Protein backbone atom coordinates (compact mmCIF):
# COMPACT_ATOMS: atom_id res chain seq x y z
CA MET A 1 -50.77 -50.61 -39.60
CA SER A 2 -48.79 -47.44 -40.44
CA GLU A 3 -51.94 -45.85 -41.83
CA ASP A 4 -53.66 -46.52 -38.51
CA ILE A 5 -50.82 -44.76 -36.64
CA PHE A 6 -51.01 -41.80 -39.01
CA SER A 7 -54.77 -41.62 -38.57
CA GLN A 8 -54.52 -41.84 -34.79
CA PHE A 9 -52.01 -39.01 -34.63
CA PHE A 10 -54.05 -36.91 -37.04
CA ASN A 11 -57.16 -37.44 -34.93
CA LEU A 12 -55.20 -36.38 -31.85
CA PHE A 13 -53.92 -33.28 -33.67
CA ASN A 14 -57.42 -32.50 -34.93
CA ASN A 15 -59.09 -32.88 -31.51
CA ASN A 16 -60.16 -29.26 -31.02
CA ASP A 17 -63.13 -29.33 -28.68
CA SER A 18 -61.79 -26.44 -26.58
CA GLU A 19 -59.44 -23.45 -26.78
CA VAL A 20 -56.53 -25.82 -26.10
CA ASN A 21 -55.95 -29.35 -27.35
CA TRP A 22 -55.05 -30.65 -23.90
CA GLU A 23 -54.75 -34.26 -25.01
CA LEU A 24 -52.10 -33.27 -27.55
CA SER A 25 -50.24 -31.21 -24.95
CA LYS A 26 -50.12 -34.20 -22.59
CA GLN A 27 -48.88 -36.51 -25.34
CA ILE A 28 -46.08 -34.06 -26.17
CA ASN A 29 -45.13 -33.88 -22.49
CA LYS A 30 -44.98 -37.69 -22.39
CA HIS A 31 -42.90 -37.71 -25.57
CA LEU A 32 -40.39 -35.27 -24.10
CA ASN A 33 -40.26 -37.33 -20.89
CA LYS A 34 -40.31 -40.71 -22.62
CA GLU A 35 -37.27 -41.96 -20.68
CA THR A 36 -38.96 -41.53 -17.29
CA SER A 37 -41.47 -43.80 -15.59
CA GLN A 38 -44.84 -42.63 -14.33
CA GLU A 39 -44.53 -43.19 -10.61
CA VAL A 40 -45.60 -41.42 -7.41
CA PHE A 41 -42.81 -41.52 -4.81
CA GLN A 42 -42.67 -41.72 -1.03
CA LEU A 43 -42.76 -38.46 0.92
CA SER A 44 -40.23 -39.54 3.53
CA ASN A 45 -36.90 -41.29 3.92
CA GLU A 46 -34.18 -41.49 6.57
CA GLU A 47 -33.24 -37.82 6.10
CA LEU A 48 -36.45 -36.06 5.15
CA ASP A 49 -40.17 -36.17 5.84
CA LEU A 50 -41.71 -33.82 3.29
CA ASN A 51 -45.23 -34.34 4.58
CA GLU A 52 -44.13 -33.26 8.07
CA LEU A 53 -42.31 -30.23 6.65
CA PHE A 54 -45.36 -29.29 4.60
CA ARG A 55 -47.64 -29.47 7.66
CA PHE A 56 -45.14 -27.37 9.64
CA LEU A 57 -45.11 -24.80 6.84
CA GLU A 58 -48.90 -24.82 6.58
CA LEU A 59 -49.37 -24.35 10.36
CA ASN A 60 -46.80 -21.59 10.73
CA ILE A 61 -48.02 -19.62 7.73
CA THR A 62 -51.63 -19.78 8.95
CA ASN A 63 -50.73 -18.69 12.48
CA ALA A 64 -48.22 -15.97 11.65
CA THR A 65 -49.57 -14.23 8.54
CA ASN A 66 -52.61 -13.51 6.43
CA PHE A 67 -51.09 -15.71 3.73
CA ASP A 68 -53.50 -18.41 2.63
CA VAL A 69 -52.07 -21.84 1.77
CA PRO A 70 -54.31 -23.16 -1.02
CA GLN A 71 -52.70 -26.61 -1.05
CA THR A 72 -54.12 -29.42 1.07
CA ASN A 73 -51.61 -32.17 0.22
CA ILE A 74 -48.15 -32.76 -1.21
CA GLN A 75 -46.99 -35.30 -3.80
CA VAL A 76 -43.59 -36.20 -5.23
CA TYR A 77 -43.78 -36.95 -8.96
CA ASP A 78 -41.36 -38.12 -11.59
CA PRO A 79 -40.84 -35.60 -14.44
CA SER A 80 -43.55 -37.06 -16.69
CA LEU A 81 -46.25 -36.90 -14.01
CA TYR A 82 -45.00 -33.49 -12.87
CA GLY A 83 -45.48 -32.20 -16.41
CA GLU A 84 -48.99 -33.67 -16.47
CA TRP A 85 -49.76 -32.05 -13.10
CA PHE A 86 -48.59 -28.72 -14.54
CA LEU A 87 -50.93 -29.05 -17.52
CA ASP A 88 -53.88 -29.99 -15.29
CA SER A 89 -53.13 -26.99 -13.05
CA ILE A 90 -53.20 -24.34 -15.78
CA GLN A 91 -56.54 -25.18 -17.36
CA HIS A 92 -58.25 -22.38 -15.39
CA PHE A 93 -56.51 -19.78 -17.58
CA ASP A 94 -58.45 -18.21 -20.47
CA PHE A 95 -56.33 -19.25 -23.44
CA SER A 96 -58.78 -17.65 -25.87
CA LYS A 97 -56.56 -14.56 -25.40
CA PHE A 98 -53.82 -16.46 -27.19
CA SER A 99 -54.08 -15.39 -30.85
CA ILE A 100 -52.01 -17.42 -33.30
CA GLY A 101 -52.93 -15.78 -36.59
CA ASP A 102 -52.96 -17.49 -39.99
CA LEU A 103 -50.50 -19.72 -41.80
CA PRO A 104 -48.15 -18.18 -44.37
CA GLY A 105 -49.68 -17.55 -47.76
CA GLY A 106 -53.05 -16.61 -46.32
CA LEU A 107 -53.97 -20.18 -45.36
CA GLN A 108 -56.53 -20.00 -42.56
CA ILE A 109 -55.35 -21.72 -39.41
CA GLY A 110 -58.94 -22.37 -38.30
CA SER A 111 -59.35 -25.24 -35.87
CA MET A 112 -55.59 -25.91 -35.86
CA GLN A 113 -55.12 -23.04 -33.38
CA SER A 114 -56.20 -25.27 -30.50
CA SER A 115 -53.54 -27.82 -31.42
CA ILE A 116 -50.81 -25.22 -31.96
CA ILE A 117 -51.45 -23.87 -28.45
CA GLY A 118 -51.52 -27.43 -27.13
CA MET A 119 -48.15 -28.09 -28.75
CA GLN A 120 -46.66 -24.96 -27.16
CA LEU A 121 -48.00 -25.83 -23.70
CA GLY A 122 -46.88 -29.44 -24.04
CA ASN A 123 -43.38 -28.22 -24.87
CA LEU A 124 -43.53 -25.84 -21.89
CA ALA A 125 -44.59 -28.65 -19.54
CA GLY A 126 -41.83 -30.90 -20.86
CA MET A 127 -39.25 -28.14 -20.53
CA ILE A 128 -40.24 -27.41 -16.91
CA SER A 129 -40.44 -31.04 -15.82
CA LYS A 130 -37.11 -32.06 -17.40
CA ASN A 131 -35.02 -29.07 -16.39
CA MET A 132 -36.45 -27.28 -13.34
CA TRP A 133 -36.83 -28.03 -9.62
CA GLY A 134 -40.28 -26.40 -9.72
CA LEU A 135 -42.24 -23.25 -10.50
CA SER A 136 -39.90 -20.96 -8.56
CA HIS A 137 -36.91 -22.01 -10.68
CA PHE A 138 -37.91 -19.66 -13.50
CA GLY A 139 -40.70 -17.79 -11.70
CA ILE A 140 -43.65 -19.50 -13.40
CA ILE A 141 -46.81 -17.85 -12.04
CA LEU A 142 -49.87 -19.62 -13.42
CA PRO A 143 -50.82 -23.04 -11.95
CA GLN A 144 -53.60 -23.42 -9.40
CA SER A 145 -53.85 -26.70 -7.53
CA LYS A 146 -54.79 -28.20 -4.18
CA THR A 147 -51.74 -30.43 -4.56
CA LEU A 148 -48.24 -29.10 -3.97
CA ALA A 149 -46.31 -31.08 -6.57
CA ILE A 150 -42.61 -31.79 -6.16
CA ASN A 151 -40.45 -32.62 -9.19
CA LYS A 152 -38.50 -35.58 -7.79
CA ASN A 153 -35.27 -35.42 -9.78
CA LYS A 154 -34.53 -31.70 -9.71
CA TYR A 155 -35.96 -30.86 -6.25
CA PHE A 156 -33.72 -33.27 -4.36
CA ALA A 157 -30.78 -32.55 -6.66
CA ARG A 158 -31.06 -28.87 -5.75
CA ILE A 159 -31.00 -29.63 -2.02
CA ASP A 160 -27.99 -31.93 -2.42
CA GLN A 161 -25.97 -29.12 -4.02
CA PHE A 162 -25.45 -27.26 -0.75
CA GLU A 163 -23.71 -28.10 2.50
CA ALA A 164 -26.40 -26.83 4.85
CA ASP A 165 -29.11 -28.29 7.06
CA VAL A 166 -31.10 -30.53 4.75
CA ASN A 167 -34.41 -29.88 6.52
CA GLU A 168 -33.97 -26.11 6.33
CA LEU A 169 -33.12 -26.33 2.63
CA ALA A 170 -36.10 -28.60 1.94
CA LEU A 171 -38.47 -26.35 3.94
CA SER A 172 -37.22 -23.23 2.15
CA LEU A 173 -37.67 -24.81 -1.26
CA LEU A 174 -41.17 -25.95 -0.27
CA ALA A 175 -41.98 -22.39 0.83
CA LEU A 176 -40.84 -21.01 -2.53
CA GLU A 177 -43.07 -23.50 -4.34
CA VAL A 178 -46.07 -22.78 -2.08
CA VAL A 179 -45.69 -19.04 -2.73
CA ALA A 180 -45.37 -19.55 -6.49
CA LEU A 181 -48.46 -21.76 -6.53
CA SER A 182 -50.47 -19.31 -4.41
CA LEU A 183 -49.73 -16.52 -6.92
CA GLY A 184 -51.60 -18.47 -9.60
CA ARG A 185 -54.65 -16.42 -8.60
CA TYR A 186 -53.17 -13.55 -10.63
CA THR A 187 -53.66 -13.72 -14.39
CA ALA A 188 -51.59 -10.69 -15.45
CA PRO A 189 -48.18 -12.39 -15.05
CA PHE A 190 -49.00 -15.12 -17.54
CA GLU A 191 -50.85 -12.69 -19.81
CA LYS A 192 -47.50 -10.95 -20.13
CA ILE A 193 -45.95 -14.30 -21.00
CA VAL A 194 -48.71 -15.00 -23.53
CA GLU A 195 -47.79 -11.84 -25.43
CA ASN A 196 -44.32 -13.30 -25.93
CA LEU A 197 -45.65 -16.76 -26.73
CA GLU A 198 -47.75 -15.24 -29.50
CA ILE A 199 -44.60 -13.90 -31.11
CA ALA A 200 -42.90 -17.30 -30.77
CA SER A 201 -45.93 -19.06 -32.26
CA LYS A 202 -46.07 -16.75 -35.25
CA GLU A 203 -42.35 -17.28 -35.84
CA MET A 204 -42.91 -21.02 -35.66
CA LEU A 205 -45.67 -20.79 -38.26
CA LYS A 206 -43.34 -18.98 -40.64
CA GLU A 207 -41.31 -22.19 -40.79
CA PHE A 208 -44.33 -23.83 -42.43
CA LYS A 209 -43.40 -21.95 -45.61
CA ASP A 210 -40.86 -24.67 -46.32
CA LEU A 211 -43.46 -27.43 -45.95
CA ASP A 212 -45.31 -28.76 -48.95
CA ILE A 213 -48.80 -28.27 -47.53
CA ASP A 214 -51.73 -28.27 -49.91
CA PRO A 215 -54.64 -26.40 -48.27
CA LEU A 216 -57.06 -28.48 -50.35
CA ASN A 217 -55.58 -31.71 -49.06
CA MET A 218 -55.46 -31.04 -45.29
CA ASN A 219 -57.68 -34.05 -44.61
CA ASN A 220 -54.96 -36.47 -45.70
CA PRO A 221 -53.25 -37.33 -42.40
CA GLN A 222 -50.38 -39.32 -43.92
CA GLU A 223 -49.39 -36.53 -46.31
CA MET A 224 -49.65 -33.95 -43.54
CA LEU A 225 -47.41 -35.93 -41.19
CA GLN A 226 -44.86 -36.71 -43.89
CA ASN A 227 -44.42 -32.96 -44.39
CA PHE A 228 -44.43 -32.20 -40.67
CA SER A 229 -41.00 -31.65 -39.12
CA GLY A 230 -41.81 -33.65 -35.97
CA LEU A 231 -42.01 -32.86 -32.30
CA ASP A 232 -38.24 -32.83 -31.82
CA GLY A 233 -37.97 -30.03 -34.35
CA PHE A 234 -39.49 -27.48 -32.01
CA ASP A 235 -37.06 -25.51 -29.88
CA SER A 236 -38.99 -24.85 -26.68
CA SER A 237 -36.38 -22.38 -25.48
CA LYS A 238 -37.51 -19.95 -28.19
CA MET A 239 -40.74 -19.48 -26.27
CA ILE A 240 -39.05 -17.69 -23.42
CA GLU A 241 -36.07 -15.97 -25.01
CA GLY A 242 -37.95 -12.67 -24.98
CA ILE A 243 -39.41 -12.94 -21.49
CA ILE A 244 -36.30 -13.02 -19.32
CA ALA A 245 -37.18 -9.69 -17.68
CA PRO A 246 -40.69 -10.62 -16.48
CA LEU A 247 -39.49 -14.02 -15.31
CA SER A 248 -36.70 -12.38 -13.33
CA PHE A 249 -39.26 -10.04 -11.78
CA TYR A 250 -41.59 -12.94 -10.88
CA ARG A 251 -38.69 -14.79 -9.23
CA GLY A 252 -38.05 -11.66 -7.19
CA VAL A 253 -41.71 -11.58 -6.13
CA ILE A 254 -41.63 -15.24 -5.06
CA LYS A 255 -38.41 -14.81 -3.08
CA SER A 256 -39.61 -11.61 -1.41
CA LYS A 257 -42.90 -13.14 -0.31
CA ALA A 258 -41.17 -16.30 0.94
CA LYS A 259 -38.85 -14.20 3.10
CA ASP A 260 -41.86 -12.35 4.54
CA LEU A 261 -43.14 -15.65 5.96
CA ASN A 262 -40.30 -15.72 8.55
CA LEU A 263 -40.10 -19.51 8.50
CA ILE A 264 -36.34 -19.89 8.82
CA PRO A 265 -33.71 -18.08 10.92
CA ASP A 266 -31.59 -16.99 7.94
CA ASN A 267 -33.39 -15.66 4.87
CA THR A 268 -30.20 -15.78 2.80
CA THR A 269 -31.03 -19.48 2.34
CA TYR A 270 -33.64 -18.35 -0.20
CA ASP A 271 -30.99 -16.32 -2.04
CA LEU A 272 -28.75 -19.37 -2.12
CA LEU A 273 -31.44 -21.69 -3.48
CA MET A 274 -32.58 -19.19 -6.11
CA ASP A 275 -29.07 -18.37 -7.34
CA LEU A 276 -28.97 -19.80 -10.87
CA SER A 277 -25.19 -19.53 -11.04
CA PHE A 278 -25.31 -22.79 -9.06
CA THR A 279 -26.59 -24.92 -11.92
CA LEU A 280 -27.96 -28.46 -11.76
CA GLY A 281 -25.32 -29.88 -14.10
CA GLU A 282 -25.77 -29.65 -17.86
CA SER A 283 -28.97 -27.89 -18.87
CA ASN A 284 -30.66 -27.22 -22.19
CA LEU A 285 -31.72 -23.89 -20.71
CA ILE A 286 -28.31 -22.63 -19.59
CA GLU A 287 -28.50 -19.49 -21.77
CA ILE A 288 -31.88 -18.59 -20.29
CA GLU A 289 -30.65 -19.28 -16.76
CA ASN A 290 -27.66 -17.04 -17.39
CA GLY A 291 -29.91 -14.31 -18.79
CA ILE A 292 -32.15 -14.37 -15.73
CA ASN A 293 -29.18 -14.59 -13.38
CA GLU A 294 -27.63 -11.51 -14.99
CA LEU A 295 -30.70 -9.54 -13.91
CA ASP A 296 -30.82 -10.96 -10.39
CA SER A 297 -28.91 -8.12 -8.74
CA SER A 298 -30.89 -5.46 -10.63
CA THR A 299 -34.14 -7.21 -9.71
CA SER A 300 -33.22 -7.14 -6.01
CA MET A 301 -32.45 -3.43 -6.30
CA PHE A 302 -35.80 -2.89 -8.03
CA PHE A 303 -37.61 -4.34 -5.00
CA GLU A 304 -35.49 -2.22 -2.67
CA PHE A 305 -36.55 0.80 -4.73
CA LEU A 306 -40.23 -0.09 -4.32
CA ILE A 307 -39.78 0.02 -0.54
CA SER A 308 -37.46 3.02 -0.23
CA SER A 309 -39.43 5.18 -2.68
CA LYS A 310 -42.72 4.33 -0.96
CA SER A 311 -44.19 3.53 -4.36
CA GLU A 312 -47.92 3.88 -4.72
CA TYR A 313 -47.92 0.36 -6.18
CA SER A 314 -47.42 -2.71 -4.03
CA ILE A 315 -46.09 -5.98 -5.41
CA ASP A 316 -49.65 -7.28 -5.57
CA ASP A 317 -50.79 -4.16 -7.45
CA ILE A 318 -48.16 -4.87 -10.09
CA LEU A 319 -49.24 -8.51 -10.38
CA LEU A 320 -52.80 -7.35 -11.03
CA ASP A 321 -51.88 -5.29 -14.12
CA LYS A 322 -49.56 -6.59 -16.83
CA ASP A 323 -48.85 -3.02 -17.95
CA LEU A 324 -47.18 -2.39 -14.58
CA ILE A 325 -44.78 -5.32 -14.97
CA PRO A 326 -41.34 -3.79 -15.63
CA SER A 327 -39.31 -4.32 -18.78
CA ARG A 328 -35.62 -5.19 -18.67
CA SER A 329 -34.56 -1.55 -19.00
CA GLU A 330 -36.97 -0.58 -16.21
CA ILE A 331 -35.65 -3.29 -13.89
CA GLU A 332 -32.19 -1.84 -14.49
CA ASP A 333 -33.52 1.71 -14.06
CA PRO A 334 -36.45 1.70 -11.57
CA ILE A 335 -36.82 5.48 -11.84
CA ALA A 336 -37.79 5.04 -15.50
CA TRP A 337 -40.44 2.51 -14.42
CA ALA A 338 -41.73 4.92 -11.75
CA ALA A 339 -41.92 7.73 -14.30
CA ARG A 340 -43.85 5.60 -16.79
CA THR A 341 -46.33 4.17 -14.30
CA SER A 342 -46.96 7.47 -12.52
CA LEU A 343 -47.66 9.52 -15.64
CA PRO A 344 -51.36 10.24 -16.22
CA PRO A 345 -52.90 8.70 -19.38
CA ILE A 346 -52.90 10.92 -22.45
């Protein structure tokens, strides 16, 4: 029986029909969310009617701006299904740009690359679904979907943190998620993230040096799994330790565009909801939240600089070119960013 389990897992790991082993990524997401049930929840209760708020948002955005709402429906998911929705919504991205490299000692990674990427994305989906209220939490710009997905546990927990009108809070948080999802049409933001994920992946592969892997015996699934450290051995936070600056910038983009929609009477509600100093209890990502929050004031000043300096680049121009996305030092010193991006190529 145990040999059958080993073989099944090996077959899953070795399922490399595309650039990403999506089946493996979904299994990892399920593993990380193993304590949650797979259930779609009601959109309304005595206090809130999310479907009504979504239709209000959709109607007002269409009438008042040129902003296009790509979503046609809204669903509330438990964390496991939210993670699966995330994985389904990012499959448009060209992950062939994601280069892993080879294993230590010159061992060719070959077809394993698809599974390594799948493992990383599965960890990312699990991290988001377990710890975040949605895409706007950390400024994830990537998914494209006709469904506006709501992460049940964290979305409502975020609203309950504040003593304000519950419908205004819910509408504002929906607006932030709609904006984040609409920005999935840009590939440069995640390409910038991929550059950092490549570094994390290569660091992860260095850990294989301590594993007793015989390159001539890679077809033995039981031996491979006995030497494998296991899913819980991967620290998903390592994937984003080096990308705090771009994530802070993306959060600023999402907040700025949400404010431009003029949906609520007081735009400081967006600042309140996006303030990561108001945490959702204990979090495995507290250090990352603190890192992003430390840049929040500088990020706001960076956007003020874009307006006051009448920069030749709009927010959308920057999202079109990953080389225009500011580094941490440039967020803290916008003039340095302006000097770099305005210099002619050598």
